[in-house]
Amino acid sequence: MTQPEGIAVELERLRGITEAGFARLDGRLEVVLQRTNRTEEDVRRLREEHDQDLAVLRAEVEALKRGRWPLPALGALTGLGGLVAAVLALFLN
């Protein structure tokens, strides 16, 4: 084998190794791309679920706010009732 033929054979061997490496890299990149797409879809779905849950919680909090007792008004009425009872007790005795 002459020197140029040896170089050609070695270059062909390197070309095969390079092609095999690129094929392996391409396969790995496809896997990464699939995982990335799946992750993006999962994140999008989780955001939608989160937004829905948040909307439900906000609606529940608003319903609780509307349904709560007017505690300051009840406190004022109770105090007024106590004052009236004390004044009546003072004058009736």
PDB file of N, CA and C in Angstrom:
ATOM      1  N   MET A   1       0.856  -1.147   0.000  1.00  0.00           N
ATOM      2  CA  MET A   1       0.000   0.000   0.000  1.00  0.00           C
ATOM      3  C   MET A   1       0.917   1.229   0.000  1.00  0.00           C
ATOM      4  N   THR A   2       0.625   2.125  -0.883  1.00  0.00           N
ATOM      5  CA  THR A   2       1.421   3.336  -0.956  1.00  0.00           C
ATOM      6  C   THR A   2       0.905   4.353   0.040  1.00  0.00           C
ATOM      7  N   GLN A   3       1.673   5.332   0.238  1.00  0.00           N
ATOM      8  CA  GLN A   3       1.317   6.324   1.242  1.00  0.00           C
ATOM      9  C   GLN A   3       0.007   7.051   0.925  1.00  0.00           C
ATOM     10  N   PRO A   4      -0.254   7.506  -0.330  1.00  0.00           N
ATOM     11  CA  PRO A   4      -1.542   8.160  -0.591  1.00  0.00           C
ATOM     12  C   PRO A   4      -2.726   7.226  -0.366  1.00  0.00           C
ATOM     13  N   GLU A   5      -2.551   5.920  -0.679  1.00  0.00           N
ATOM     14  CA  GLU A   5      -3.666   4.989  -0.436  1.00  0.00           C
ATOM     15  C   GLU A   5      -3.919   4.822   1.055  1.00  0.00           C
ATOM     16  N   GLY A   6      -2.862   4.804   1.840  1.00  0.00           N
ATOM     17  CA  GLY A   6      -2.994   4.691   3.294  1.00  0.00           C
ATOM     18  C   GLY A   6      -3.698   5.901   3.879  1.00  0.00           C
ATOM     19  N   ILE A   7      -3.363   7.064   3.326  1.00  0.00           N
ATOM     20  CA  ILE A   7      -4.025   8.284   3.790  1.00  0.00           C
ATOM     21  C   ILE A   7      -5.500   8.263   3.422  1.00  0.00           C
ATOM     22  N   ALA A   8      -5.809   7.815   2.206  1.00  0.00           N
ATOM     23  CA  ALA A   8      -7.198   7.741   1.765  1.00  0.00           C
ATOM     24  C   ALA A   8      -7.990   6.771   2.635  1.00  0.00           C
ATOM     25  N   VAL A   9      -7.374   5.630   2.973  1.00  0.00           N
ATOM     26  CA  VAL A   9      -8.052   4.647   3.821  1.00  0.00           C
ATOM     27  C   VAL A   9      -8.280   5.233   5.214  1.00  0.00           C
ATOM     28  N   GLU A  10      -7.271   5.902   5.736  1.00  0.00           N
ATOM     29  CA  GLU A  10      -7.402   6.498   7.068  1.00  0.00           C
ATOM     30  C   GLU A  10      -8.455   7.607   7.066  1.00  0.00           C
ATOM     31  N   LEU A  11      -8.478   8.414   6.018  1.00  0.00           N
ATOM     32  CA  LEU A  11      -9.498   9.462   5.914  1.00  0.00           C
ATOM     33  C   LEU A  11     -10.900   8.861   5.828  1.00  0.00           C
ATOM     34  N   GLU A  12     -11.033   7.751   5.100  1.00  0.00           N
ATOM     35  CA  GLU A  12     -12.345   7.090   4.990  1.00  0.00           C
ATOM     36  C   GLU A  12     -12.777   6.520   6.337  1.00  0.00           C
ATOM     37  N   ARG A  13     -11.807   5.974   7.091  1.00  0.00           N
ATOM     38  CA  ARG A  13     -12.117   5.450   8.429  1.00  0.00           C
ATOM     39  C   ARG A  13     -12.561   6.600   9.346  1.00  0.00           C
ATOM     40  N   LEU A  14     -11.861   7.721   9.298  1.00  0.00           N
ATOM     41  CA  LEU A  14     -12.230   8.889  10.100  1.00  0.00           C
ATOM     42  C   LEU A  14     -13.591   9.442   9.688  1.00  0.00           C
ATOM     43  N   ARG A  15     -13.858   9.387   8.381  1.00  0.00           N
ATOM     44  CA  ARG A  15     -15.161   9.849   7.897  1.00  0.00           C
ATOM     45  C   ARG A  15     -16.274   8.976   8.463  1.00  0.00           C
ATOM     46  N   GLY A  16     -16.060   7.661   8.488  1.00  0.00           N
ATOM     47  CA  GLY A  16     -17.053   6.737   9.053  1.00  0.00           C
ATOM     48  C   GLY A  16     -17.264   6.988  10.541  1.00  0.00           C
ATOM     49  N   ILE A  17     -16.159   7.198  11.254  1.00  0.00           N
ATOM     50  CA  ILE A  17     -16.265   7.476  12.695  1.00  0.00           C
ATOM     51  C   ILE A  17     -17.024   8.780  12.921  1.00  0.00           C
ATOM     52  N   THR A  18     -16.705   9.797  12.110  1.00  0.00           N
ATOM     53  CA  THR A  18     -17.371  11.093  12.239  1.00  0.00           C
ATOM     54  C   THR A  18     -18.857  10.975  11.936  1.00  0.00           C
ATOM     55  N   GLU A  19     -19.212  10.259  10.888  1.00  0.00           N
ATOM     56  CA  GLU A  19     -20.620  10.080  10.544  1.00  0.00           C
ATOM     57  C   GLU A  19     -21.365   9.334  11.645  1.00  0.00           C
ATOM     58  N   ALA A  20     -20.724   8.304  12.206  1.00  0.00           N
ATOM     59  CA  ALA A  20     -21.358   7.555  13.291  1.00  0.00           C
ATOM     60  C   ALA A  20     -21.556   8.462  14.513  1.00  0.00           C
ATOM     61  N   GLY A  21     -20.557   9.299  14.805  1.00  0.00           N
ATOM     62  CA  GLY A  21     -20.684  10.222  15.939  1.00  0.00           C
ATOM     63  C   GLY A  21     -21.801  11.223  15.725  1.00  0.00           C
ATOM     64  N   PHE A  22     -21.887  11.761  14.500  1.00  0.00           N
ATOM     65  CA  PHE A  22     -22.962  12.707  14.204  1.00  0.00           C
ATOM     66  C   PHE A  22     -24.329  12.030  14.273  1.00  0.00           C
ATOM     67  N   ALA A  23     -24.418  10.802  13.832  1.00  0.00           N
ATOM     68  CA  ALA A  23     -25.687  10.074  13.899  1.00  0.00           C
ATOM     69  C   ALA A  23     -26.101   9.865  15.356  1.00  0.00           C
ATOM     70  N   ARG A  24     -25.120   9.504  16.202  1.00  0.00           N
ATOM     71  CA  ARG A  24     -25.403   9.319  17.629  1.00  0.00           C
ATOM     72  C   ARG A  24     -25.829  10.643  18.261  1.00  0.00           C
ATOM     73  N   LEU A  25     -25.137  11.711  17.911  1.00  0.00           N
ATOM     74  CA  LEU A  25     -25.470  13.036  18.430  1.00  0.00           C
ATOM     75  C   LEU A  25     -26.857  13.465  17.966  1.00  0.00           C
ATOM     76  N   ASP A  26     -27.178  13.193  16.719  1.00  0.00           N
ATOM     77  CA  ASP A  26     -28.499  13.534  16.187  1.00  0.00           C
ATOM     78  C   ASP A  26     -29.589  12.788  16.948  1.00  0.00           C
ATOM     79  N   GLY A  27     -29.355  11.523  17.227  1.00  0.00           N
ATOM     80  CA  GLY A  27     -30.323  10.734  18.000  1.00  0.00           C
ATOM     81  C   GLY A  27     -30.522  11.303  19.396  1.00  0.00           C
ATOM     82  N   ARG A  28     -29.425  11.708  20.029  1.00  0.00           N
ATOM     83  CA  ARG A  28     -29.531  12.286  21.374  1.00  0.00           C
ATOM     84  C   ARG A  28     -30.266  13.627  21.334  1.00  0.00           C
ATOM     85  N   LEU A  29     -29.979  14.401  20.311  1.00  0.00           N
ATOM     86  CA  LEU A  29     -30.674  15.683  20.187  1.00  0.00           C
ATOM     87  C   LEU A  29     -32.174  15.490  19.970  1.00  0.00           C
ATOM     88  N   GLU A  30     -32.556  14.465  19.237  1.00  0.00           N
ATOM     89  CA  GLU A  30     -33.983  14.172  19.042  1.00  0.00           C
ATOM     90  C   GLU A  30     -34.642  13.839  20.372  1.00  0.00           C
ATOM     91  N   VAL A  31     -33.940  13.053  21.195  1.00  0.00           N
ATOM     92  CA  VAL A  31     -34.480  12.695  22.508  1.00  0.00           C
ATOM     93  C   VAL A  31     -34.633  13.946  23.362  1.00  0.00           C
ATOM     94  N   VAL A  32     -33.621  14.814  23.343  1.00  0.00           N
ATOM     95  CA  VAL A  32     -33.695  16.051  24.116  1.00  0.00           C
ATOM     96  C   VAL A  32     -34.835  16.929  23.614  1.00  0.00           C
ATOM     97  N   LEU A  33     -35.001  17.012  22.313  1.00  0.00           N
ATOM     98  CA  LEU A  33     -36.087  17.816  21.747  1.00  0.00           C
ATOM     99  C   LEU A  33     -37.450  17.266  22.163  1.00  0.00           C
ATOM    100  N   GLN A  34     -37.613  15.950  22.137  1.00  0.00           N
ATOM    101  CA  GLN A  34     -38.878  15.348  22.562  1.00  0.00           C
ATOM    102  C   GLN A  34     -39.151  15.646  24.031  1.00  0.00           C
ATOM    103  N   ARG A  35     -38.106  15.512  24.864  1.00  0.00           N
ATOM    104  CA  ARG A  35     -38.283  15.783  26.298  1.00  0.00           C
ATOM    105  C   ARG A  35     -38.624  17.252  26.525  1.00  0.00           C
ATOM    106  N   THR A  36     -37.978  18.134  25.785  1.00  0.00           N
ATOM    107  CA  THR A  36     -38.257  19.562  25.919  1.00  0.00           C
ATOM    108  C   THR A  36     -39.698  19.866  25.528  1.00  0.00           C
ATOM    109  N   ASN A  37     -40.144  19.294  24.426  1.00  0.00           N
ATOM    110  CA  ASN A  37     -41.530  19.515  23.990  1.00  0.00           C
ATOM    111  C   ASN A  37     -42.518  18.986  25.023  1.00  0.00           C
ATOM    112  N   ARG A  38     -42.221  17.816  25.570  1.00  0.00           N
ATOM    113  CA  ARG A  38     -43.096  17.227  26.586  1.00  0.00           C
ATOM    114  C   ARG A  38     -43.104  18.102  27.838  1.00  0.00           C
ATOM    115  N   THR A  39     -41.933  18.598  28.224  1.00  0.00           N
ATOM    116  CA  THR A  39     -41.846  19.451  29.407  1.00  0.00           C
ATOM    117  C   THR A  39     -42.606  20.751  29.193  1.00  0.00           C
ATOM    118  N   GLU A  40     -42.466  21.352  28.027  1.00  0.00           N
ATOM    119  CA  GLU A  40     -43.202  22.580  27.732  1.00  0.00           C
ATOM    120  C   GLU A  40     -44.707  22.343  27.781  1.00  0.00           C
ATOM    121  N   GLU A  41     -45.150  21.223  27.264  1.00  0.00           N
ATOM    122  CA  GLU A  41     -46.581  20.888  27.298  1.00  0.00           C
ATOM    123  C   GLU A  41     -47.046  20.686  28.741  1.00  0.00           C
ATOM    124  N   ASP A  42     -46.222  20.006  29.547  1.00  0.00           N
ATOM    125  CA  ASP A  42     -46.571  19.804  30.951  1.00  0.00           C
ATOM    126  C   ASP A  42     -46.649  21.134  31.695  1.00  0.00           C
ATOM    127  N   VAL A  43     -45.701  22.022  31.445  1.00  0.00           N
ATOM    128  CA  VAL A  43     -45.707  23.330  32.105  1.00  0.00           C
ATOM    129  C   VAL A  43     -46.935  24.126  31.679  1.00  0.00           C
ATOM    130  N   ARG A  44     -47.274  24.092  30.398  1.00  0.00           N
ATOM    131  CA  ARG A  44     -48.458  24.809  29.917  1.00  0.00           C
ATOM    132  C   ARG A  44     -49.722  24.271  30.589  1.00  0.00           C
ATOM    133  N   ARG A  45     -49.828  22.945  30.662  1.00  0.00           N
ATOM    134  CA  ARG A  45     -50.997  22.325  31.294  1.00  0.00           C
ATOM    135  C   ARG A  45     -51.062  22.674  32.780  1.00  0.00           C
ATOM    136  N   LEU A  46     -49.912  22.641  33.456  1.00  0.00           N
ATOM    137  CA  LEU A  46     -49.893  22.978  34.878  1.00  0.00           C
ATOM    138  C   LEU A  46     -50.258  24.440  35.114  1.00  0.00           C
ATOM    139  N   ARG A  47     -49.830  25.323  34.212  1.00  0.00           N
ATOM    140  CA  ARG A  47     -50.207  26.733  34.347  1.00  0.00           C
ATOM    141  C   ARG A  47     -51.706  26.900  34.194  1.00  0.00           C
ATOM    142  N   GLU A  48     -52.286  26.201  33.232  1.00  0.00           N
ATOM    143  CA  GLU A  48     -53.740  26.286  33.042  1.00  0.00           C
ATOM    144  C   GLU A  48     -54.473  25.777  34.276  1.00  0.00           C
ATOM    145  N   GLU A  49     -54.018  24.637  34.826  1.00  0.00           N
ATOM    146  CA  GLU A  49     -54.648  24.089  36.025  1.00  0.00           C
ATOM    147  C   GLU A  49     -54.488  25.054  37.198  1.00  0.00           C
ATOM    148  N   HIS A  50     -53.299  25.640  37.320  1.00  0.00           N
ATOM    149  CA  HIS A  50     -53.044  26.596  38.391  1.00  0.00           C
ATOM    150  C   HIS A  50     -53.966  27.800  38.271  1.00  0.00           C
ATOM    151  N   ASP A  51     -54.106  28.324  37.056  1.00  0.00           N
ATOM    152  CA  ASP A  51     -54.981  29.471  36.849  1.00  0.00           C
ATOM    153  C   ASP A  51     -56.436  29.130  37.172  1.00  0.00           C
ATOM    154  N   GLN A  52     -56.865  27.921  36.796  1.00  0.00           N
ATOM    155  CA  GLN A  52     -58.230  27.503  37.106  1.00  0.00           C
ATOM    156  C   GLN A  52     -58.421  27.373  38.613  1.00  0.00           C
ATOM    157  N   ASP A  53     -57.452  26.743  39.294  1.00  0.00           N
ATOM    158  CA  ASP A  53     -57.545  26.597  40.750  1.00  0.00           C
ATOM    159  C   ASP A  53     -57.560  27.962  41.433  1.00  0.00           C
ATOM    160  N   LEU A  54     -56.747  28.866  40.939  1.00  0.00           N
ATOM    161  CA  LEU A  54     -56.690  30.207  41.513  1.00  0.00           C
ATOM    162  C   LEU A  54     -58.017  30.936  41.324  1.00  0.00           C
ATOM    163  N   ALA A  55     -58.626  30.778  40.161  1.00  0.00           N
ATOM    164  CA  ALA A  55     -59.923  31.414  39.913  1.00  0.00           C
ATOM    165  C   ALA A  55     -60.986  30.846  40.850  1.00  0.00           C
ATOM    166  N   VAL A  56     -60.955  29.539  41.065  1.00  0.00           N
ATOM    167  CA  VAL A  56     -61.916  28.914  41.978  1.00  0.00           C
ATOM    168  C   VAL A  56     -61.712  29.440  43.398  1.00  0.00           C
ATOM    169  N   LEU A  57     -60.456  29.513  43.829  1.00  0.00           N
ATOM    170  CA  LEU A  57     -60.181  30.003  45.179  1.00  0.00           C
ATOM    171  C   LEU A  57     -60.609  31.464  45.348  1.00  0.00           C
ATOM    172  N   ARG A  58     -60.364  32.277  44.321  1.00  0.00           N
ATOM    173  CA  ARG A  58     -60.797  33.673  44.403  1.00  0.00           C
ATOM    174  C   ARG A  58     -62.314  33.773  44.522  1.00  0.00           C
ATOM    175  N   ALA A  59     -63.018  32.947  43.749  1.00  0.00           N
ATOM    176  CA  ALA A  59     -64.484  32.953  43.816  1.00  0.00           C
ATOM    177  C   ALA A  59     -64.955  32.523  45.209  1.00  0.00           C
ATOM    178  N   GLU A  60     -64.291  31.522  45.789  1.00  0.00           N
ATOM    179  CA  GLU A  60     -64.672  31.065  47.125  1.00  0.00           C
ATOM    180  C   GLU A  60     -64.407  32.139  48.173  1.00  0.00           C
ATOM    181  N   VAL A  61     -63.276  32.831  48.057  1.00  0.00           N
ATOM    182  CA  VAL A  61     -62.972  33.898  49.015  1.00  0.00           C
ATOM    183  C   VAL A  61     -63.985  35.027  48.896  1.00  0.00           C
ATOM    184  N   GLU A  62     -64.350  35.387  47.690  1.00  0.00           N
ATOM    185  CA  GLU A  62     -65.358  36.434  47.498  1.00  0.00           C
ATOM    186  C   GLU A  62     -66.697  36.009  48.083  1.00  0.00           C
ATOM    187  N   ALA A  63     -67.061  34.741  47.900  1.00  0.00           N
ATOM    188  CA  ALA A  63     -68.318  34.244  48.471  1.00  0.00           C
ATOM    189  C   ALA A  63     -68.268  34.292  49.993  1.00  0.00           C
ATOM    190  N   LEU A  64     -67.119  33.949  50.569  1.00  0.00           N
ATOM    191  CA  LEU A  64     -66.984  34.027  52.021  1.00  0.00           C
ATOM    192  C   LEU A  64     -67.059  35.472  52.509  1.00  0.00           C
ATOM    193  N   LYS A  65     -66.473  36.381  51.755  1.00  0.00           N
ATOM    194  CA  LYS A  65     -66.542  37.795  52.142  1.00  0.00           C
ATOM    195  C   LYS A  65     -67.976  38.295  52.123  1.00  0.00           C
ATOM    196  N   ARG A  66     -68.732  37.886  51.119  1.00  0.00           N
ATOM    197  CA  ARG A  66     -70.138  38.322  51.029  1.00  0.00           C
ATOM    198  C   ARG A  66     -70.982  37.704  52.132  1.00  0.00           C
ATOM    199  N   GLY A  67     -70.668  36.488  52.523  1.00  0.00           N
ATOM    200  CA  GLY A  67     -71.494  35.778  53.495  1.00  0.00           C
ATOM    201  C   GLY A  67     -71.101  35.985  54.942  1.00  0.00           C
ATOM    202  N   ARG A  68     -70.032  36.710  55.202  1.00  0.00           N
ATOM    203  CA  ARG A  68     -69.618  36.873  56.602  1.00  0.00           C
ATOM    204  C   ARG A  68     -70.562  37.830  57.336  1.00  0.00           C
ATOM    205  N   TRP A  69     -70.580  37.665  58.619  1.00  0.00           N
ATOM    206  CA  TRP A  69     -71.428  38.505  59.439  1.00  0.00           C
ATOM    207  C   TRP A  69     -70.810  39.891  59.524  1.00  0.00           C
ATOM    208  N   PRO A  70     -71.639  40.880  59.629  1.00  0.00           N
ATOM    209  CA  PRO A  70     -71.107  42.249  59.800  1.00  0.00           C
ATOM    210  C   PRO A  70     -70.667  42.441  61.254  1.00  0.00           C
ATOM    211  N   LEU A  71     -69.509  41.930  61.591  1.00  0.00           N
ATOM    212  CA  LEU A  71     -69.055  41.908  62.983  1.00  0.00           C
ATOM    213  C   LEU A  71     -68.928  43.303  63.606  1.00  0.00           C
ATOM    214  N   PRO A  72     -68.419  44.307  62.946  1.00  0.00           N
ATOM    215  CA  PRO A  72     -68.370  45.630  63.600  1.00  0.00           C
ATOM    216  C   PRO A  72     -69.762  46.151  63.953  1.00  0.00           C
ATOM    217  N   ALA A  73     -70.727  45.924  63.072  1.00  0.00           N
ATOM    218  CA  ALA A  73     -72.091  46.383  63.350  1.00  0.00           C
ATOM    219  C   ALA A  73     -72.682  45.617  64.531  1.00  0.00           C
ATOM    220  N   LEU A  74     -72.429  44.316  64.597  1.00  0.00           N
ATOM    221  CA  LEU A  74     -72.930  43.519  65.728  1.00  0.00           C
ATOM    222  C   LEU A  74     -72.278  43.968  67.026  1.00  0.00           C
ATOM    223  N   GLY A  75     -70.991  44.288  66.970  1.00  0.00           N
ATOM    224  CA  GLY A  75     -70.305  44.777  68.176  1.00  0.00           C
ATOM    225  C   GLY A  75     -70.897  46.086  68.663  1.00  0.00           C
ATOM    226  N   ALA A  76     -71.186  46.977  67.714  1.00  0.00           N
ATOM    227  CA  ALA A  76     -71.786  48.262  68.092  1.00  0.00           C
ATOM    228  C   ALA A  76     -73.171  48.063  68.679  1.00  0.00           C
ATOM    229  N   LEU A  77     -73.971  47.200  68.078  1.00  0.00           N
ATOM    230  CA  LEU A  77     -75.320  46.942  68.605  1.00  0.00           C
ATOM    231  C   LEU A  77     -75.275  46.303  69.983  1.00  0.00           C
ATOM    232  N   THR A  78     -74.326  45.401  70.195  1.00  0.00           N
ATOM    233  CA  THR A  78     -74.201  44.757  71.508  1.00  0.00           C
ATOM    234  C   THR A  78     -73.811  45.787  72.559  1.00  0.00           C
ATOM    235  N   GLY A  79     -72.882  46.660  72.184  1.00  0.00           N
ATOM    236  CA  GLY A  79     -72.484  47.719  73.130  1.00  0.00           C
ATOM    237  C   GLY A  79     -73.643  48.650  73.448  1.00  0.00           C
ATOM    238  N   LEU A  80     -74.411  49.004  72.428  1.00  0.00           N
ATOM    239  CA  LEU A  80     -75.572  49.863  72.629  1.00  0.00           C
ATOM    240  C   LEU A  80     -76.614  49.176  73.510  1.00  0.00           C
ATOM    241  N   GLY A  81     -76.812  47.874  73.280  1.00  0.00           N
ATOM    242  CA  GLY A  81     -77.762  47.120  74.118  1.00  0.00           C
ATOM    243  C   GLY A  81     -77.292  47.071  75.563  1.00  0.00           C
ATOM    244  N   GLY A  82     -76.007  46.917  75.786  1.00  0.00           N
ATOM    245  CA  GLY A  82     -75.470  46.926  77.160  1.00  0.00           C
ATOM    246  C   GLY A  82     -75.642  48.275  77.818  1.00  0.00           C
ATOM    247  N   LEU A  83     -75.446  49.335  77.030  1.00  0.00           N
ATOM    248  CA  LEU A  83     -75.639  50.687  77.566  1.00  0.00           C
ATOM    249  C   LEU A  83     -77.099  50.908  77.970  1.00  0.00           C
ATOM    250  N   VAL A  84     -78.021  50.493  77.134  1.00  0.00           N
ATOM    251  CA  VAL A  84     -79.448  50.636  77.429  1.00  0.00           C
ATOM    252  C   VAL A  84     -79.805  49.834  78.682  1.00  0.00           C
ATOM    253  N   ALA A  85     -79.281  48.623  78.798  1.00  0.00           N
ATOM    254  CA  ALA A  85     -79.564  47.799  79.976  1.00  0.00           C
ATOM    255  C   ALA A  85     -79.001  48.447  81.235  1.00  0.00           C
ATOM    256  N   ALA A  86     -77.806  49.036  81.141  1.00  0.00           N
ATOM    257  CA  ALA A  86     -77.203  49.678  82.315  1.00  0.00           C
ATOM    258  C   ALA A  86     -78.003  50.911  82.722  1.00  0.00           C
ATOM    259  N   VAL A  87     -78.430  51.703  81.727  1.00  0.00           N
ATOM    260  CA  VAL A  87     -79.223  52.900  82.035  1.00  0.00           C
ATOM    261  C   VAL A  87     -80.563  52.504  82.654  1.00  0.00           C
ATOM    262  N   LEU A  88     -81.215  51.476  82.120  1.00  0.00           N
ATOM    263  CA  LEU A  88     -82.498  50.996  82.684  1.00  0.00           C
ATOM    264  C   LEU A  88     -82.297  50.487  84.097  1.00  0.00           C
ATOM    265  N   ALA A  89     -81.231  49.778  84.341  1.00  0.00           N
ATOM    266  CA  ALA A  89     -80.967  49.249  85.685  1.00  0.00           C
ATOM    267  C   ALA A  89     -80.704  50.401  86.663  1.00  0.00           C
ATOM    268  N   LEU A  90     -80.057  51.442  86.172  1.00  0.00           N
ATOM    269  CA  LEU A  90     -79.754  52.581  87.025  1.00  0.00           C
ATOM    270  C   LEU A  90     -81.026  53.333  87.420  1.00  0.00           C
ATOM    271  N   PHE A  91     -81.925  53.535  86.453  1.00  0.00           N
ATOM    272  CA  PHE A  91     -83.123  54.306  86.717  1.00  0.00           C
ATOM    273  C   PHE A  91     -84.237  53.494  87.380  1.00  0.00           C
ATOM    274  N   LEU A  92     -84.272  52.210  87.202  1.00  0.00           N
ATOM    275  CA  LEU A  92     -85.335  51.391  87.772  1.00  0.00           C
ATOM    276  C   LEU A  92     -85.056  51.001  89.203  1.00  0.00           C
ATOM    277  N   ASN A  93     -83.866  51.151  89.647  1.00  0.00           N
ATOM    278  CA  ASN A  93     -83.574  50.802  91.041  1.00  0.00           C
ATOM    279  C   ASN A  93     -83.759  51.920  91.962  1.00  0.00           C
TER     280      ASN A  93
END
